[in-house]
Amino acid sequence: MRNPTPGKNPFELASYIDRFPLFCQWLYVDLNTAFLKLTGRSSVKRFWTLYIFSFIFLALLYWLCEKLITTVLVYFCLMLLGWLYVAVPCVTCGVRRLHDMGKKGFLAIFPQFGTFFITVCVAFQNIPPLPVVLCIAAMTVVPLVFMSLPGQKTANQYGPVPNDNEPLKG
């Protein structure tokens, strides 16, 4: 069998990334190569693509763990590892998103408190009192709404305007 992509490794996903739809390229780059990149800017579309993927990923992981895992410790560890897999790229993409608005990236960590809180509550099947839930929800939703605002239309101290038509180079 001949190699369908000469000069590229046929067994490596990165060899085929340029054939994927643009949002899949963004996800691949954000989750696998640029997950620690705290410099530059990110668009609203790219930010929400990653966040929606992370919510779907965690829901699917929860469903699989619910069906297949019987031990609470293994269940919690898998949920925690799944959360960490998407939490770090979400924070770094959030930092780049805040840079797009000309702000410092400190607020990007707060939505992950809510995601971690939900992960722990689901794993141990224990819902805390309503005031605690409302406080965590506010800490999660307010920064997400803030990060959904449009960015600056010109270059700022964090870099040029993000281009939605090309993937971020890791």
C-alpha atoms as a PDB file:
ATOM      1  CA  MET A   1       0.000   0.000   0.000  1.00  0.00           C
ATOM      2  CA  ARG A   2       1.387   3.370  -0.908  1.00  0.00           C
ATOM      3  CA  ASN A   3       1.436   6.352   1.424  1.00  0.00           C
ATOM      4  CA  PRO A   4      -1.565   8.660   0.639  1.00  0.00           C
ATOM      5  CA  THR A   5       0.357  11.688   1.906  1.00  0.00           C
ATOM      6  CA  PRO A   6       3.963  11.527   0.646  1.00  0.00           C
ATOM      7  CA  GLY A   7       6.456  13.076   3.022  1.00  0.00           C
ATOM      8  CA  LYS A   8       4.108  12.734   6.006  1.00  0.00           C
ATOM      9  CA  ASN A   9       3.771  10.005   8.593  1.00  0.00           C
ATOM     10  CA  PRO A  10       0.534   8.138   7.752  1.00  0.00           C
ATOM     11  CA  PHE A  11       0.138   6.981  11.358  1.00  0.00           C
ATOM     12  CA  GLU A  12       0.283  10.421  12.937  1.00  0.00           C
ATOM     13  CA  LEU A  13      -2.854  12.553  13.329  1.00  0.00           C
ATOM     14  CA  ALA A  14      -0.861  15.767  12.931  1.00  0.00           C
ATOM     15  CA  SER A  15      -0.064  14.668   9.361  1.00  0.00           C
ATOM     16  CA  TYR A  16      -3.730  14.982   8.435  1.00  0.00           C
ATOM     17  CA  ILE A  17      -4.698  18.020  10.524  1.00  0.00           C
ATOM     18  CA  ASP A  18      -4.751  20.318   7.506  1.00  0.00           C
ATOM     19  CA  ARG A  19      -7.596  18.242   6.008  1.00  0.00           C
ATOM     20  CA  PHE A  20      -9.874  18.680   9.040  1.00  0.00           C
ATOM     21  CA  PRO A  21     -12.507  21.422   9.374  1.00  0.00           C
ATOM     22  CA  LEU A  22     -11.119  24.589  10.917  1.00  0.00           C
ATOM     23  CA  PHE A  23     -12.785  24.102  14.325  1.00  0.00           C
ATOM     24  CA  CYS A  24     -11.216  20.622  14.584  1.00  0.00           C
ATOM     25  CA  GLN A  25      -7.831  22.132  13.774  1.00  0.00           C
ATOM     26  CA  TRP A  26      -8.363  24.675  16.561  1.00  0.00           C
ATOM     27  CA  LEU A  27      -9.284  21.932  19.019  1.00  0.00           C
ATOM     28  CA  TYR A  28      -6.320  19.777  18.055  1.00  0.00           C
ATOM     29  CA  VAL A  29      -3.868  22.655  18.383  1.00  0.00           C
ATOM     30  CA  ASP A  30      -5.392  24.000  21.625  1.00  0.00           C
ATOM     31  CA  LEU A  31      -5.604  20.599  23.316  1.00  0.00           C
ATOM     32  CA  ASN A  32      -2.341  19.051  22.115  1.00  0.00           C
ATOM     33  CA  THR A  33       0.261  21.618  21.113  1.00  0.00           C
ATOM     34  CA  ALA A  34      -0.700  25.057  22.484  1.00  0.00           C
ATOM     35  CA  PHE A  35      -2.180  24.003  25.811  1.00  0.00           C
ATOM     36  CA  LEU A  36       0.460  25.947  27.756  1.00  0.00           C
ATOM     37  CA  LYS A  37       0.653  29.000  25.464  1.00  0.00           C
ATOM     38  CA  LEU A  38      -0.244  32.048  27.556  1.00  0.00           C
ATOM     39  CA  THR A  39       0.799  34.670  25.019  1.00  0.00           C
ATOM     40  CA  GLY A  40      -1.120  36.044  22.090  1.00  0.00           C
ATOM     41  CA  ARG A  41      -4.824  36.511  21.509  1.00  0.00           C
ATOM     42  CA  SER A  42      -7.810  34.264  20.861  1.00  0.00           C
ATOM     43  CA  SER A  43     -11.158  35.029  19.241  1.00  0.00           C
ATOM     44  CA  VAL A  44     -14.589  34.513  20.805  1.00  0.00           C
ATOM     45  CA  LYS A  45     -15.385  31.795  18.287  1.00  0.00           C
ATOM     46  CA  ARG A  46     -12.259  29.828  19.111  1.00  0.00           C
ATOM     47  CA  PHE A  47     -12.804  30.290  22.851  1.00  0.00           C
ATOM     48  CA  TRP A  48     -16.370  28.961  22.743  1.00  0.00           C
ATOM     49  CA  THR A  49     -15.393  26.102  20.431  1.00  0.00           C
ATOM     50  CA  LEU A  50     -12.971  24.864  23.073  1.00  0.00           C
ATOM     51  CA  TYR A  51     -15.389  25.416  25.970  1.00  0.00           C
ATOM     52  CA  ILE A  52     -18.295  23.659  24.264  1.00  0.00           C
ATOM     53  CA  PHE A  53     -16.005  20.759  23.387  1.00  0.00           C
ATOM     54  CA  SER A  54     -14.870  20.535  27.014  1.00  0.00           C
ATOM     55  CA  PHE A  55     -18.467  20.437  28.281  1.00  0.00           C
ATOM     56  CA  ILE A  56     -19.363  17.698  25.776  1.00  0.00           C
ATOM     57  CA  PHE A  57     -16.158  15.793  26.591  1.00  0.00           C
ATOM     58  CA  LEU A  58     -16.837  15.882  30.336  1.00  0.00           C
ATOM     59  CA  ALA A  59     -20.495  14.877  29.868  1.00  0.00           C
ATOM     60  CA  LEU A  60     -19.451  11.935  27.683  1.00  0.00           C
ATOM     61  CA  LEU A  61     -16.772  10.952  30.196  1.00  0.00           C
ATOM     62  CA  TYR A  62     -19.332  11.133  33.004  1.00  0.00           C
ATOM     63  CA  TRP A  63     -21.725   8.923  31.047  1.00  0.00           C
ATOM     64  CA  LEU A  64     -18.999   6.360  30.267  1.00  0.00           C
ATOM     65  CA  CYS A  65     -17.784   6.308  33.871  1.00  0.00           C
ATOM     66  CA  GLU A  66     -21.359   5.919  35.092  1.00  0.00           C
ATOM     67  CA  LYS A  67     -21.906   2.901  32.818  1.00  0.00           C
ATOM     68  CA  LEU A  68     -18.535   1.163  33.204  1.00  0.00           C
ATOM     69  CA  ILE A  69     -16.920   2.046  36.543  1.00  0.00           C
ATOM     70  CA  THR A  70     -18.134   0.640  39.852  1.00  0.00           C
ATOM     71  CA  THR A  71     -15.391   1.832  42.225  1.00  0.00           C
ATOM     72  CA  VAL A  72     -15.740   5.388  43.526  1.00  0.00           C
ATOM     73  CA  LEU A  73     -11.996   6.005  43.648  1.00  0.00           C
ATOM     74  CA  VAL A  74     -11.431   4.913  40.036  1.00  0.00           C
ATOM     75  CA  TYR A  75     -14.495   6.896  38.977  1.00  0.00           C
ATOM     76  CA  PHE A  76     -13.221  10.039  40.709  1.00  0.00           C
ATOM     77  CA  CYS A  77      -9.686   9.631  39.328  1.00  0.00           C
ATOM     78  CA  LEU A  78     -10.955   9.241  35.753  1.00  0.00           C
ATOM     79  CA  MET A  79     -13.226  12.265  36.119  1.00  0.00           C
ATOM     80  CA  LEU A  80     -10.349  14.276  37.608  1.00  0.00           C
ATOM     81  CA  LEU A  81      -7.964  13.298  34.793  1.00  0.00           C
ATOM     82  CA  GLY A  82     -10.624  14.129  32.201  1.00  0.00           C
ATOM     83  CA  TRP A  83     -11.206  17.493  33.836  1.00  0.00           C
ATOM     84  CA  LEU A  84      -7.460  18.231  33.887  1.00  0.00           C
ATOM     85  CA  TYR A  85      -7.199  17.295  30.194  1.00  0.00           C
ATOM     86  CA  VAL A  86      -9.615  20.075  29.252  1.00  0.00           C
ATOM     87  CA  ALA A  87      -9.072  22.501  32.153  1.00  0.00           C
ATOM     88  CA  VAL A  88      -5.515  23.522  31.326  1.00  0.00           C
ATOM     89  CA  PRO A  89      -6.253  24.321  27.641  1.00  0.00           C
ATOM     90  CA  CYS A  90      -9.458  26.132  28.658  1.00  0.00           C
ATOM     91  CA  VAL A  91      -7.541  28.337  31.087  1.00  0.00           C
ATOM     92  CA  THR A  92      -4.836  29.157  28.558  1.00  0.00           C
ATOM     93  CA  CYS A  93      -7.414  29.865  25.842  1.00  0.00           C
ATOM     94  CA  GLY A  94      -9.275  32.049  28.354  1.00  0.00           C
ATOM     95  CA  VAL A  95      -6.069  33.963  29.079  1.00  0.00           C
ATOM     96  CA  ARG A  96      -5.578  34.547  25.352  1.00  0.00           C
ATOM     97  CA  ARG A  97      -9.252  35.571  25.113  1.00  0.00           C
ATOM     98  CA  LEU A  98      -8.778  38.177  27.853  1.00  0.00           C
ATOM     99  CA  HIS A  99      -5.627  39.362  26.099  1.00  0.00           C
ATOM    100  CA  ASP A 100      -7.789  39.957  23.019  1.00  0.00           C
ATOM    101  CA  MET A 101      -9.791  42.446  25.082  1.00  0.00           C
ATOM    102  CA  GLY A 102      -6.617  44.090  26.392  1.00  0.00           C
ATOM    103  CA  LYS A 103      -7.005  42.670  29.926  1.00  0.00           C
ATOM    104  CA  LYS A 104      -4.745  40.549  32.087  1.00  0.00           C
ATOM    105  CA  GLY A 105      -5.550  36.840  32.100  1.00  0.00           C
ATOM    106  CA  PHE A 106      -6.227  36.324  35.826  1.00  0.00           C
ATOM    107  CA  LEU A 107     -10.003  35.910  35.408  1.00  0.00           C
ATOM    108  CA  ALA A 108      -9.556  32.868  33.148  1.00  0.00           C
ATOM    109  CA  ILE A 109      -9.049  30.492  36.074  1.00  0.00           C
ATOM    110  CA  PHE A 110     -12.424  31.136  37.733  1.00  0.00           C
ATOM    111  CA  PRO A 111     -14.641  29.135  35.310  1.00  0.00           C
ATOM    112  CA  GLN A 112     -12.578  26.048  36.121  1.00  0.00           C
ATOM    113  CA  PHE A 113     -13.582  26.263  39.792  1.00  0.00           C
ATOM    114  CA  GLY A 114     -17.172  25.629  38.740  1.00  0.00           C
ATOM    115  CA  THR A 115     -16.208  22.816  36.393  1.00  0.00           C
ATOM    116  CA  PHE A 116     -14.104  21.160  39.100  1.00  0.00           C
ATOM    117  CA  PHE A 117     -16.910  21.654  41.626  1.00  0.00           C
ATOM    118  CA  ILE A 118     -19.425  19.974  39.300  1.00  0.00           C
ATOM    119  CA  THR A 119     -16.968  17.141  38.606  1.00  0.00           C
ATOM    120  CA  VAL A 120     -16.500  16.467  42.328  1.00  0.00           C
ATOM    121  CA  CYS A 121     -20.244  16.718  43.058  1.00  0.00           C
ATOM    122  CA  VAL A 122     -21.047  14.307  40.234  1.00  0.00           C
ATOM    123  CA  ALA A 123     -18.313  11.870  41.255  1.00  0.00           C
ATOM    124  CA  PHE A 124     -19.424  11.722  44.886  1.00  0.00           C
ATOM    125  CA  GLN A 125     -23.135  12.300  44.100  1.00  0.00           C
ATOM    126  CA  ASN A 126     -23.427  14.935  46.788  1.00  0.00           C
ATOM    127  CA  ILE A 127     -25.012  18.356  46.208  1.00  0.00           C
ATOM    128  CA  PRO A 128     -23.964  21.063  48.712  1.00  0.00           C
ATOM    129  CA  PRO A 129     -26.326  23.740  50.109  1.00  0.00           C
ATOM    130  CA  LEU A 130     -27.865  26.242  47.690  1.00  0.00           C
ATOM    131  CA  PRO A 131     -25.797  29.305  48.771  1.00  0.00           C
ATOM    132  CA  VAL A 132     -22.572  27.418  47.998  1.00  0.00           C
ATOM    133  CA  VAL A 133     -23.911  26.315  44.611  1.00  0.00           C
ATOM    134  CA  LEU A 134     -24.987  29.880  43.753  1.00  0.00           C
ATOM    135  CA  CYS A 135     -21.610  31.314  44.768  1.00  0.00           C
ATOM    136  CA  ILE A 136     -19.724  28.766  42.631  1.00  0.00           C
ATOM    137  CA  ALA A 137     -22.143  29.350  39.723  1.00  0.00           C
ATOM    138  CA  ALA A 138     -21.552  33.100  39.891  1.00  0.00           C
ATOM    139  CA  MET A 139     -17.780  32.559  39.976  1.00  0.00           C
ATOM    140  CA  THR A 140     -18.147  30.440  36.843  1.00  0.00           C
ATOM    141  CA  VAL A 141     -20.727  32.305  34.769  1.00  0.00           C
ATOM    142  CA  VAL A 142     -19.625  35.924  35.296  1.00  0.00           C
ATOM    143  CA  PRO A 143     -16.102  35.423  33.841  1.00  0.00           C
ATOM    144  CA  LEU A 144     -17.532  33.384  30.944  1.00  0.00           C
ATOM    145  CA  VAL A 145     -19.922  36.213  30.100  1.00  0.00           C
ATOM    146  CA  PHE A 146     -17.080  38.702  30.407  1.00  0.00           C
ATOM    147  CA  MET A 147     -14.894  36.604  28.067  1.00  0.00           C
ATOM    148  CA  SER A 148     -17.730  36.537  25.523  1.00  0.00           C
ATOM    149  CA  LEU A 149     -17.509  40.276  24.923  1.00  0.00           C
ATOM    150  CA  PRO A 150     -15.907  41.375  21.656  1.00  0.00           C
ATOM    151  CA  GLY A 151     -12.179  42.031  21.612  1.00  0.00           C
ATOM    152  CA  GLN A 152     -10.207  45.009  20.432  1.00  0.00           C
ATOM    153  CA  LYS A 153     -10.289  45.527  16.664  1.00  0.00           C
ATOM    154  CA  THR A 154      -6.658  46.674  16.502  1.00  0.00           C
ATOM    155  CA  ALA A 155      -3.357  45.246  17.677  1.00  0.00           C
ATOM    156  CA  ASN A 156      -2.631  45.692  21.375  1.00  0.00           C
ATOM    157  CA  GLN A 157       0.298  44.913  23.699  1.00  0.00           C
ATOM    158  CA  TYR A 158      -0.565  41.176  23.533  1.00  0.00           C
ATOM    159  CA  GLY A 159      -0.303  40.858  19.773  1.00  0.00           C
ATOM    160  CA  PRO A 160      -2.131  41.351  16.486  1.00  0.00           C
ATOM    161  CA  VAL A 161      -5.844  40.745  15.939  1.00  0.00           C
ATOM    162  CA  PRO A 162      -6.533  36.967  15.902  1.00  0.00           C
ATOM    163  CA  ASN A 163      -7.259  35.481  12.495  1.00  0.00           C
ATOM    164  CA  ASP A 164     -10.131  32.970  12.585  1.00  0.00           C
ATOM    165  CA  ASN A 165      -9.092  31.495   9.234  1.00  0.00           C
ATOM    166  CA  GLU A 166      -5.853  29.904  10.370  1.00  0.00           C
ATOM    167  CA  PRO A 167      -5.018  27.609  13.287  1.00  0.00           C
ATOM    168  CA  LEU A 168      -2.849  28.811  16.151  1.00  0.00           C
ATOM    169  CA  LYS A 169       0.668  27.513  15.760  1.00  0.00           C
ATOM    170  CA  GLY A 170       1.766  25.672  18.875  1.00  0.00           C
END
